Amino acid sequence: MKKYISFLLVIMIMCMPITSFANPLTDTITNAVEKGTDVAKDIATHWAKNFIAQLVKDGVFSGYPDGTFRPDANIKVSEFTVLVLKANKIEIEKAEGVWYQGVVNTAINHGIIKRGEFDNYDRYINRGEMTRMIIRALNENPSTGKTHFADDSQIPSHLKGYVKKAVELGIIGGYPDNTFKPFGNATRAESTVVIQKMRDSRNGILKPIDPQPPVVVEPPVVKEPSPITTMPERLYKMPIKCLFDPSTDIREINRKMKAIESHRQAIKKVIQQSKEFIPIYYGFDYRDYSDYKSKCKYYIAGYRKLDGELLTTDESLDILIKNNIKNQIIQKSRFFTSDDLVYLNEKGRKTVRGIIQFKYTSHNNPPKGIEVGKWYEQDIEVVWHQPLLNEGQGNWVHSEILFDTTKYIGQPREIK
């Protein structure tokens, strides 16, 4: 009897349709689209569901073991490179080292990326970089001229031609507000769309579109505030702490400093440097910051504390630059003060009290209460010192009096 039952089971299994042995993860996702099941709910109603289903079905892309695809998650450079190679049926070379080393080598050998183009393959890829890779994989040349996007000026010159070509081929588009957002991180869903359209373009299914004329967008006119010629009395009324004098009156300490020749010269120096340095330090542009670090380093040397950690000048500036790029900061600033607003603080450091005027024209995460595109002013103190530097802490051309920190002594106020 047992042998008879076993024989029947074997016959039943042999008669089952072969699709029963398909990849369960692929079935999970394609069924969510084609059969309207409740599985993989994160793509069942997603705008890119058809692109996702097609690439999963073809084995180019895959989901996660829990049956989800996570379409709105960002995708890394290494992961997207794998997709480009698989979609173009390029065999990935074997290589030692990190898991994606063979992927990178293969992409370089096929001209899809260039050696040294990415400093980190484990970071997220942005939309501009993604587009460049797609166009190279199609063996297309970048176009020339402007794109029709409203943020055309923010698309780096080394990426703009690839973006324009991808638009002309019908591979990529922008957002409802007619922006492209070249530095925005690409998502898994966006990746499926451009990968599938790349395949369609190669197979002659996707037809090029007529180039659209560039859209000229006149930026709103934001009047630059007038220079501050007279310092407000509130700056003088704020009490101070001085290492060498019990007085809390900034005018009194300032008068005593001016009685000494060396201090008089130092006052002139720190005022001049404050007016020069603040517009540099708070004048970042994430689209072009090639000389930002070198300009800052004339005023900065030695070790600096950041979140309790002691860092070299280069390390602290690198962190600042990285954060500014991440937040896509474009900022402009000016500093105003007077020679009777300089004093020695509780550490004996020369401190310049004044007002900073600033405006962000771009910022992904502006400070609370700050709106992009508006001018603000804020009371601050710029602190300078003359540290004893060890070898290597300042082996570049720099000022004798160095920047220590800025201290905010008031809340930002919108300039009407």
Foldseek 3Di string as FASTA:
>chain_A
DVVVVVVVVVVVVVPDDPCVPPDPLLCQLLCCCPVVDCFQVVQSPPPLSVLVNVCSVVVLDTDDPSSYRQQFAFDFQLSLLSSLCVLLVHDFDDDDDDPSPSSVVSCCVLQLDHPPPDPDRGHFAFQLNSLSSLCVSLVHDFQDDFAQAPVRVLRAPVRRSSVQVCLQQVLDAPDPNRHNPRGHGDGNSNSSSNSVSSSCSSVVNGHGDDGDDHDDDDDDDADDDDDDDDADCVLQPQFAAAQPDRGRGLLVQLVVLCVDPVSVVVLVVVVVCVQVQVQLVFADALSDCPCSLVVQLQQDWAWADDPNDTHASVVVVVVVSVVCNVFRWGKGKGWDFDSSQWHQHSVRWIKTKTKMKMATCGTNDDDPPHDHPFIKMFIKIWTWDQDDDDPPRRPDNHDRIHTHDMGTPGDIDTDD
